[in-house]
Amino acid sequence: MQVTKITDDQPIPVVAIKRFTKEEIQREYDYFLAQKILESLLEEGLITRGEFDQITVLNRRTFSPHLAEIMP
């Protein structure tokens, strides 16, 4: 068995770490809670899927969460 070492002389890119402020963390949390309540309303049949989607858009505008892109 032959083992070949693969090397790359290119430096590994450094990614800047984003530090969240207390206000940004609070907005993330508020958005999360608002969405949880919204999901409960949808599950209980108190709102339609269309209303859920419209309110989600409003929540994203209101809370401006940074992590919304990775949230379902």
PDB file of N, CA and C in Angstrom:
ATOM      1  N   MET A   1       0.836  -1.171   0.000  1.00  0.00           N
ATOM      2  CA  MET A   1       0.000   0.000   0.000  1.00  0.00           C
ATOM      3  C   MET A   1       0.883   1.237   0.000  1.00  0.00           C
ATOM      4  N   GLN A   2       0.567   2.153  -0.886  1.00  0.00           N
ATOM      5  CA  GLN A   2       1.353   3.368  -0.998  1.00  0.00           C
ATOM      6  C   GLN A   2       0.521   4.545  -0.493  1.00  0.00           C
ATOM      7  N   VAL A   3       1.129   5.374   0.339  1.00  0.00           N
ATOM      8  CA  VAL A   3       0.464   6.552   0.885  1.00  0.00           C
ATOM      9  C   VAL A   3       1.099   7.776   0.258  1.00  0.00           C
ATOM     10  N   THR A   4       0.258   8.649  -0.261  1.00  0.00           N
ATOM     11  CA  THR A   4       0.743   9.868  -0.879  1.00  0.00           C
ATOM     12  C   THR A   4       0.281  11.060  -0.058  1.00  0.00           C
ATOM     13  N   LYS A   5       1.221  11.886   0.320  1.00  0.00           N
ATOM     14  CA  LYS A   5       0.884  13.079   1.080  1.00  0.00           C
ATOM     15  C   LYS A   5       0.550  14.196   0.104  1.00  0.00           C
ATOM     16  N   ILE A   6      -0.607  14.774   0.293  1.00  0.00           N
ATOM     17  CA  ILE A   6      -1.042  15.865  -0.567  1.00  0.00           C
ATOM     18  C   ILE A   6      -0.827  17.166   0.192  1.00  0.00           C
ATOM     19  N   THR A   7      -0.113  18.076  -0.439  1.00  0.00           N
ATOM     20  CA  THR A   7       0.148  19.359   0.211  1.00  0.00           C
ATOM     21  C   THR A   7      -0.346  20.486  -0.678  1.00  0.00           C
ATOM     22  N   ASP A   8      -0.646  21.543  -0.049  1.00  0.00           N
ATOM     23  CA  ASP A   8      -1.091  22.736  -0.754  1.00  0.00           C
ATOM     24  C   ASP A   8      -0.358  23.909  -0.127  1.00  0.00           C
ATOM     25  N   ASP A   9       0.376  24.620  -0.927  1.00  0.00           N
ATOM     26  CA  ASP A   9       1.173  25.724  -0.406  1.00  0.00           C
ATOM     27  C   ASP A   9       0.358  27.000  -0.204  1.00  0.00           C
ATOM     28  N   GLN A  10      -0.921  26.949  -0.541  1.00  0.00           N
ATOM     29  CA  GLN A  10      -1.768  28.123  -0.363  1.00  0.00           C
ATOM     30  C   GLN A  10      -2.124  28.287   1.115  1.00  0.00           C
ATOM     31  N   PRO A  11      -2.056  29.512   1.620  1.00  0.00           N
ATOM     32  CA  PRO A  11      -2.425  29.729   3.030  1.00  0.00           C
ATOM     33  C   PRO A  11      -3.926  29.514   3.233  1.00  0.00           C
ATOM     34  N   ILE A  12      -4.267  29.086   4.409  1.00  0.00           N
ATOM     35  CA  ILE A  12      -5.671  28.894   4.751  1.00  0.00           C
ATOM     36  C   ILE A  12      -6.278  30.268   5.009  1.00  0.00           C
ATOM     37  N   PRO A  13      -7.398  30.574   4.337  1.00  0.00           N
ATOM     38  CA  PRO A  13      -7.988  31.902   4.536  1.00  0.00           C
ATOM     39  C   PRO A  13      -8.508  32.069   5.962  1.00  0.00           C
ATOM     40  N   VAL A  14      -8.306  33.248   6.485  1.00  0.00           N
ATOM     41  CA  VAL A  14      -8.764  33.559   7.835  1.00  0.00           C
ATOM     42  C   VAL A  14     -10.116  34.254   7.723  1.00  0.00           C
ATOM     43  N   VAL A  15     -11.080  33.750   8.453  1.00  0.00           N
ATOM     44  CA  VAL A  15     -12.417  34.326   8.434  1.00  0.00           C
ATOM     45  C   VAL A  15     -12.596  35.167   9.692  1.00  0.00           C
ATOM     46  N   ALA A  16     -13.043  36.380   9.492  1.00  0.00           N
ATOM     47  CA  ALA A  16     -13.264  37.270  10.639  1.00  0.00           C
ATOM     48  C   ALA A  16     -14.432  36.756  11.469  1.00  0.00           C
ATOM     49  N   ILE A  17     -14.283  36.806  12.761  1.00  0.00           N
ATOM     50  CA  ILE A  17     -15.330  36.366  13.671  1.00  0.00           C
ATOM     51  C   ILE A  17     -16.253  37.545  13.952  1.00  0.00           C
ATOM     52  N   LYS A  18     -17.542  37.314  13.748  1.00  0.00           N
ATOM     53  CA  LYS A  18     -18.536  38.359  14.017  1.00  0.00           C
ATOM     54  C   LYS A  18     -18.934  38.308  15.478  1.00  0.00           C
ATOM     55  N   ARG A  19     -18.732  39.390  16.166  1.00  0.00           N
ATOM     56  CA  ARG A  19     -19.145  39.507  17.561  1.00  0.00           C
ATOM     57  C   ARG A  19     -20.503  40.206  17.590  1.00  0.00           C
ATOM     58  N   PHE A  20     -21.471  39.568  18.203  1.00  0.00           N
ATOM     59  CA  PHE A  20     -22.800  40.151  18.299  1.00  0.00           C
ATOM     60  C   PHE A  20     -22.896  41.052  19.526  1.00  0.00           C
ATOM     61  N   THR A  21     -23.597  42.165  19.356  1.00  0.00           N
ATOM     62  CA  THR A  21     -23.855  43.045  20.491  1.00  0.00           C
ATOM     63  C   THR A  21     -25.026  42.467  21.290  1.00  0.00           C
ATOM     64  N   LYS A  22     -25.235  42.991  22.482  1.00  0.00           N
ATOM     65  CA  LYS A  22     -26.370  42.543  23.298  1.00  0.00           C
ATOM     66  C   LYS A  22     -27.689  42.809  22.581  1.00  0.00           C
ATOM     67  N   GLU A  23     -27.770  43.933  21.884  1.00  0.00           N
ATOM     68  CA  GLU A  23     -28.990  44.281  21.158  1.00  0.00           C
ATOM     69  C   GLU A  23     -29.251  43.296  20.024  1.00  0.00           C
ATOM     70  N   GLU A  24     -28.202  42.900  19.313  1.00  0.00           N
ATOM     71  CA  GLU A  24     -28.364  41.934  18.225  1.00  0.00           C
ATOM     72  C   GLU A  24     -28.793  40.571  18.755  1.00  0.00           C
ATOM     73  N   ILE A  25     -28.218  40.164  19.861  1.00  0.00           N
ATOM     74  CA  ILE A  25     -28.597  38.888  20.472  1.00  0.00           C
ATOM     75  C   ILE A  25     -30.050  38.950  20.929  1.00  0.00           C
ATOM     76  N   GLN A  26     -30.461  40.079  21.498  1.00  0.00           N
ATOM     77  CA  GLN A  26     -31.855  40.231  21.935  1.00  0.00           C
ATOM     78  C   GLN A  26     -32.799  40.160  20.741  1.00  0.00           C
ATOM     79  N   ARG A  27     -32.429  40.800  19.617  1.00  0.00           N
ATOM     80  CA  ARG A  27     -33.270  40.736  18.414  1.00  0.00           C
ATOM     81  C   ARG A  27     -33.387  39.311  17.898  1.00  0.00           C
ATOM     82  N   GLU A  28     -32.275  38.567  17.928  1.00  0.00           N
ATOM     83  CA  GLU A  28     -32.313  37.163  17.507  1.00  0.00           C
ATOM     84  C   GLU A  28     -33.289  36.375  18.377  1.00  0.00           C
ATOM     85  N   TYR A  29     -33.201  36.582  19.682  1.00  0.00           N
ATOM     86  CA  TYR A  29     -34.063  35.869  20.627  1.00  0.00           C
ATOM     87  C   TYR A  29     -35.531  36.265  20.438  1.00  0.00           C
ATOM     88  N   ASP A  30     -35.778  37.562  20.279  1.00  0.00           N
ATOM     89  CA  ASP A  30     -37.146  38.037  20.071  1.00  0.00           C
ATOM     90  C   ASP A  30     -37.734  37.454  18.785  1.00  0.00           C
ATOM     91  N   TYR A  31     -36.927  37.394  17.742  1.00  0.00           N
ATOM     92  CA  TYR A  31     -37.380  36.801  16.479  1.00  0.00           C
ATOM     93  C   TYR A  31     -37.707  35.330  16.680  1.00  0.00           C
ATOM     94  N   PHE A  32     -36.834  34.617  17.360  1.00  0.00           N
ATOM     95  CA  PHE A  32     -37.045  33.198  17.620  1.00  0.00           C
ATOM     96  C   PHE A  32     -38.365  32.979  18.363  1.00  0.00           C
ATOM     97  N   LEU A  33     -38.608  33.761  19.419  1.00  0.00           N
ATOM     98  CA  LEU A  33     -39.848  33.626  20.187  1.00  0.00           C
ATOM     99  C   LEU A  33     -41.075  33.964  19.337  1.00  0.00           C
ATOM    100  N   ALA A  34     -40.988  35.027  18.559  1.00  0.00           N
ATOM    101  CA  ALA A  34     -42.112  35.412  17.704  1.00  0.00           C
ATOM    102  C   ALA A  34     -42.440  34.300  16.715  1.00  0.00           C
ATOM    103  N   GLN A  35     -41.413  33.675  16.165  1.00  0.00           N
ATOM    104  CA  GLN A  35     -41.643  32.591  15.211  1.00  0.00           C
ATOM    105  C   GLN A  35     -42.231  31.363  15.897  1.00  0.00           C
ATOM    106  N   LYS A  36     -41.805  31.075  17.112  1.00  0.00           N
ATOM    107  CA  LYS A  36     -42.361  29.938  17.851  1.00  0.00           C
ATOM    108  C   LYS A  36     -43.852  30.149  18.112  1.00  0.00           C
ATOM    109  N   ILE A  37     -44.222  31.356  18.506  1.00  0.00           N
ATOM    110  CA  ILE A  37     -45.636  31.669  18.725  1.00  0.00           C
ATOM    111  C   ILE A  37     -46.404  31.535  17.414  1.00  0.00           C
ATOM    112  N   LEU A  38     -45.815  32.034  16.348  1.00  0.00           N
ATOM    113  CA  LEU A  38     -46.439  31.961  15.032  1.00  0.00           C
ATOM    114  C   LEU A  38     -46.646  30.511  14.603  1.00  0.00           C
ATOM    115  N   GLU A  39     -45.651  29.655  14.843  1.00  0.00           N
ATOM    116  CA  GLU A  39     -45.779  28.234  14.517  1.00  0.00           C
ATOM    117  C   GLU A  39     -46.912  27.594  15.312  1.00  0.00           C
ATOM    118  N   SER A  40     -47.055  27.983  16.571  1.00  0.00           N
ATOM    119  CA  SER A  40     -48.143  27.456  17.404  1.00  0.00           C
ATOM    120  C   SER A  40     -49.500  27.859  16.838  1.00  0.00           C
ATOM    121  N   LEU A  41     -49.614  29.110  16.412  1.00  0.00           N
ATOM    122  CA  LEU A  41     -50.866  29.575  15.811  1.00  0.00           C
ATOM    123  C   LEU A  41     -51.198  28.789  14.548  1.00  0.00           C
ATOM    124  N   LEU A  42     -50.177  28.510  13.751  1.00  0.00           N
ATOM    125  CA  LEU A  42     -50.373  27.741  12.523  1.00  0.00           C
ATOM    126  C   LEU A  42     -50.806  26.314  12.838  1.00  0.00           C
ATOM    127  N   GLU A  43     -50.129  25.680  13.788  1.00  0.00           N
ATOM    128  CA  GLU A  43     -50.458  24.304  14.171  1.00  0.00           C
ATOM    129  C   GLU A  43     -51.871  24.188  14.736  1.00  0.00           C
ATOM    130  N   GLU A  44     -52.322  25.219  15.443  1.00  0.00           N
ATOM    131  CA  GLU A  44     -53.667  25.216  16.035  1.00  0.00           C
ATOM    132  C   GLU A  44     -54.747  25.583  15.014  1.00  0.00           C
ATOM    133  N   GLY A  45     -54.314  25.937  13.812  1.00  0.00           N
ATOM    134  CA  GLY A  45     -55.269  26.295  12.767  1.00  0.00           C
ATOM    135  C   GLY A  45     -55.840  27.694  12.904  1.00  0.00           C
ATOM    136  N   LEU A  46     -55.192  28.521  13.700  1.00  0.00           N
ATOM    137  CA  LEU A  46     -55.687  29.879  13.920  1.00  0.00           C
ATOM    138  C   LEU A  46     -55.257  30.846  12.819  1.00  0.00           C
ATOM    139  N   ILE A  47     -54.225  30.472  12.059  1.00  0.00           N
ATOM    140  CA  ILE A  47     -53.795  31.252  10.898  1.00  0.00           C
ATOM    141  C   ILE A  47     -53.523  30.287   9.749  1.00  0.00           C
ATOM    142  N   THR A  48     -53.566  30.808   8.533  1.00  0.00           N
ATOM    143  CA  THR A  48     -53.275  29.990   7.351  1.00  0.00           C
ATOM    144  C   THR A  48     -51.772  30.003   7.070  1.00  0.00           C
ATOM    145  N   ARG A  49     -51.359  29.125   6.164  1.00  0.00           N
ATOM    146  CA  ARG A  49     -49.944  29.084   5.773  1.00  0.00           C
ATOM    147  C   ARG A  49     -49.535  30.411   5.124  1.00  0.00           C
ATOM    148  N   GLY A  50     -50.428  30.978   4.331  1.00  0.00           N
ATOM    149  CA  GLY A  50     -50.141  32.262   3.695  1.00  0.00           C
ATOM    150  C   GLY A  50     -49.939  33.372   4.712  1.00  0.00           C
ATOM    151  N   GLU A  51     -50.794  33.390   5.739  1.00  0.00           N
ATOM    152  CA  GLU A  51     -50.644  34.379   6.807  1.00  0.00           C
ATOM    153  C   GLU A  51     -49.337  34.153   7.560  1.00  0.00           C
ATOM    154  N   PHE A  52     -49.014  32.890   7.803  1.00  0.00           N
ATOM    155  CA  PHE A  52     -47.751  32.553   8.468  1.00  0.00           C
ATOM    156  C   PHE A  52     -46.572  33.124   7.685  1.00  0.00           C
ATOM    157  N   ASP A  53     -46.579  32.900   6.372  1.00  0.00           N
ATOM    158  CA  ASP A  53     -45.479  33.384   5.531  1.00  0.00           C
ATOM    159  C   ASP A  53     -45.397  34.910   5.535  1.00  0.00           C
ATOM    160  N   GLN A  54     -46.561  35.576   5.469  1.00  0.00           N
ATOM    161  CA  GLN A  54     -46.577  37.044   5.473  1.00  0.00           C
ATOM    162  C   GLN A  54     -46.047  37.599   6.796  1.00  0.00           C
ATOM    163  N   ILE A  55     -46.467  36.996   7.900  1.00  0.00           N
ATOM    164  CA  ILE A  55     -46.019  37.475   9.212  1.00  0.00           C
ATOM    165  C   ILE A  55     -44.533  37.184   9.410  1.00  0.00           C
ATOM    166  N   THR A  56     -44.053  36.066   8.861  1.00  0.00           N
ATOM    167  CA  THR A  56     -42.624  35.756   8.940  1.00  0.00           C
ATOM    168  C   THR A  56     -41.800  36.846   8.257  1.00  0.00           C
ATOM    169  N   VAL A  57     -42.266  37.296   7.094  1.00  0.00           N
ATOM    170  CA  VAL A  57     -41.572  38.385   6.388  1.00  0.00           C
ATOM    171  C   VAL A  57     -41.554  39.641   7.259  1.00  0.00           C
ATOM    172  N   LEU A  58     -42.691  39.960   7.871  1.00  0.00           N
ATOM    173  CA  LEU A  58     -42.753  41.132   8.758  1.00  0.00           C
ATOM    174  C   LEU A  58     -41.829  40.973   9.961  1.00  0.00           C
ATOM    175  N   ASN A  59     -41.786  39.771  10.531  1.00  0.00           N
ATOM    176  CA  ASN A  59     -40.890  39.527  11.669  1.00  0.00           C
ATOM    177  C   ASN A  59     -39.433  39.721  11.279  1.00  0.00           C
ATOM    178  N   ARG A  60     -39.071  39.268  10.093  1.00  0.00           N
ATOM    179  CA  ARG A  60     -37.678  39.430   9.648  1.00  0.00           C
ATOM    180  C   ARG A  60     -37.341  40.901   9.456  1.00  0.00           C
ATOM    181  N   ARG A  61     -38.309  41.677   8.964  1.00  0.00           N
ATOM    182  CA  ARG A  61     -38.074  43.120   8.811  1.00  0.00           C
ATOM    183  C   ARG A  61     -37.989  43.806  10.173  1.00  0.00           C
ATOM    184  N   THR A  62     -38.866  43.403  11.079  1.00  0.00           N
ATOM    185  CA  THR A  62     -38.938  44.042  12.396  1.00  0.00           C
ATOM    186  C   THR A  62     -37.711  43.746  13.245  1.00  0.00           C
ATOM    187  N   PHE A  63     -37.336  42.467  13.311  1.00  0.00           N
ATOM    188  CA  PHE A  63     -36.257  42.059  14.207  1.00  0.00           C
ATOM    189  C   PHE A  63     -34.891  42.043  13.533  1.00  0.00           C
ATOM    190  N   SER A  64     -34.848  42.038  12.208  1.00  0.00           N
ATOM    191  CA  SER A  64     -33.598  41.995  11.438  1.00  0.00           C
ATOM    192  C   SER A  64     -32.614  40.960  11.983  1.00  0.00           C
ATOM    193  N   PRO A  65     -33.041  39.698  12.105  1.00  0.00           N
ATOM    194  CA  PRO A  65     -32.128  38.692  12.658  1.00  0.00           C
ATOM    195  C   PRO A  65     -31.022  38.337  11.670  1.00  0.00           C
ATOM    196  N   HIS A  66     -29.799  38.226  12.172  1.00  0.00           N
ATOM    197  CA  HIS A  66     -28.664  37.853  11.327  1.00  0.00           C
ATOM    198  C   HIS A  66     -28.730  36.379  10.947  1.00  0.00           C
ATOM    199  N   LEU A  67     -29.297  35.575  11.809  1.00  0.00           N
ATOM    200  CA  LEU A  67     -29.309  34.132  11.592  1.00  0.00           C
ATOM    201  C   LEU A  67     -30.550  33.657  10.844  1.00  0.00           C
ATOM    202  N   ALA A  68     -31.378  34.562  10.370  1.00  0.00           N
ATOM    203  CA  ALA A  68     -32.618  34.171   9.693  1.00  0.00           C
ATOM    204  C   ALA A  68     -32.348  33.338   8.446  1.00  0.00           C
ATOM    205  N   GLU A  69     -31.208  33.583   7.793  1.00  0.00           N
ATOM    206  CA  GLU A  69     -30.906  32.840   6.571  1.00  0.00           C
ATOM    207  C   GLU A  69     -30.793  31.343   6.817  1.00  0.00           C
ATOM    208  N   ILE A  70     -30.362  30.956   8.008  1.00  0.00           N
ATOM    209  CA  ILE A  70     -30.191  29.531   8.282  1.00  0.00           C
ATOM    210  C   ILE A  70     -31.371  28.940   9.036  1.00  0.00           C
ATOM    211  N   MET A  71     -32.324  29.786   9.393  1.00  0.00           N
ATOM    212  CA  MET A  71     -33.516  29.297  10.088  1.00  0.00           C
ATOM    213  C   MET A  71     -34.555  28.884   9.059  1.00  0.00           C
ATOM    214  N   PRO A  72     -35.310  27.834   9.370  1.00  0.00           N
ATOM    215  CA  PRO A  72     -36.356  27.419   8.416  1.00  0.00           C
ATOM    216  C   PRO A  72     -37.475  28.437   8.339  1.00  0.00           C
TER     217      PRO A  72
END
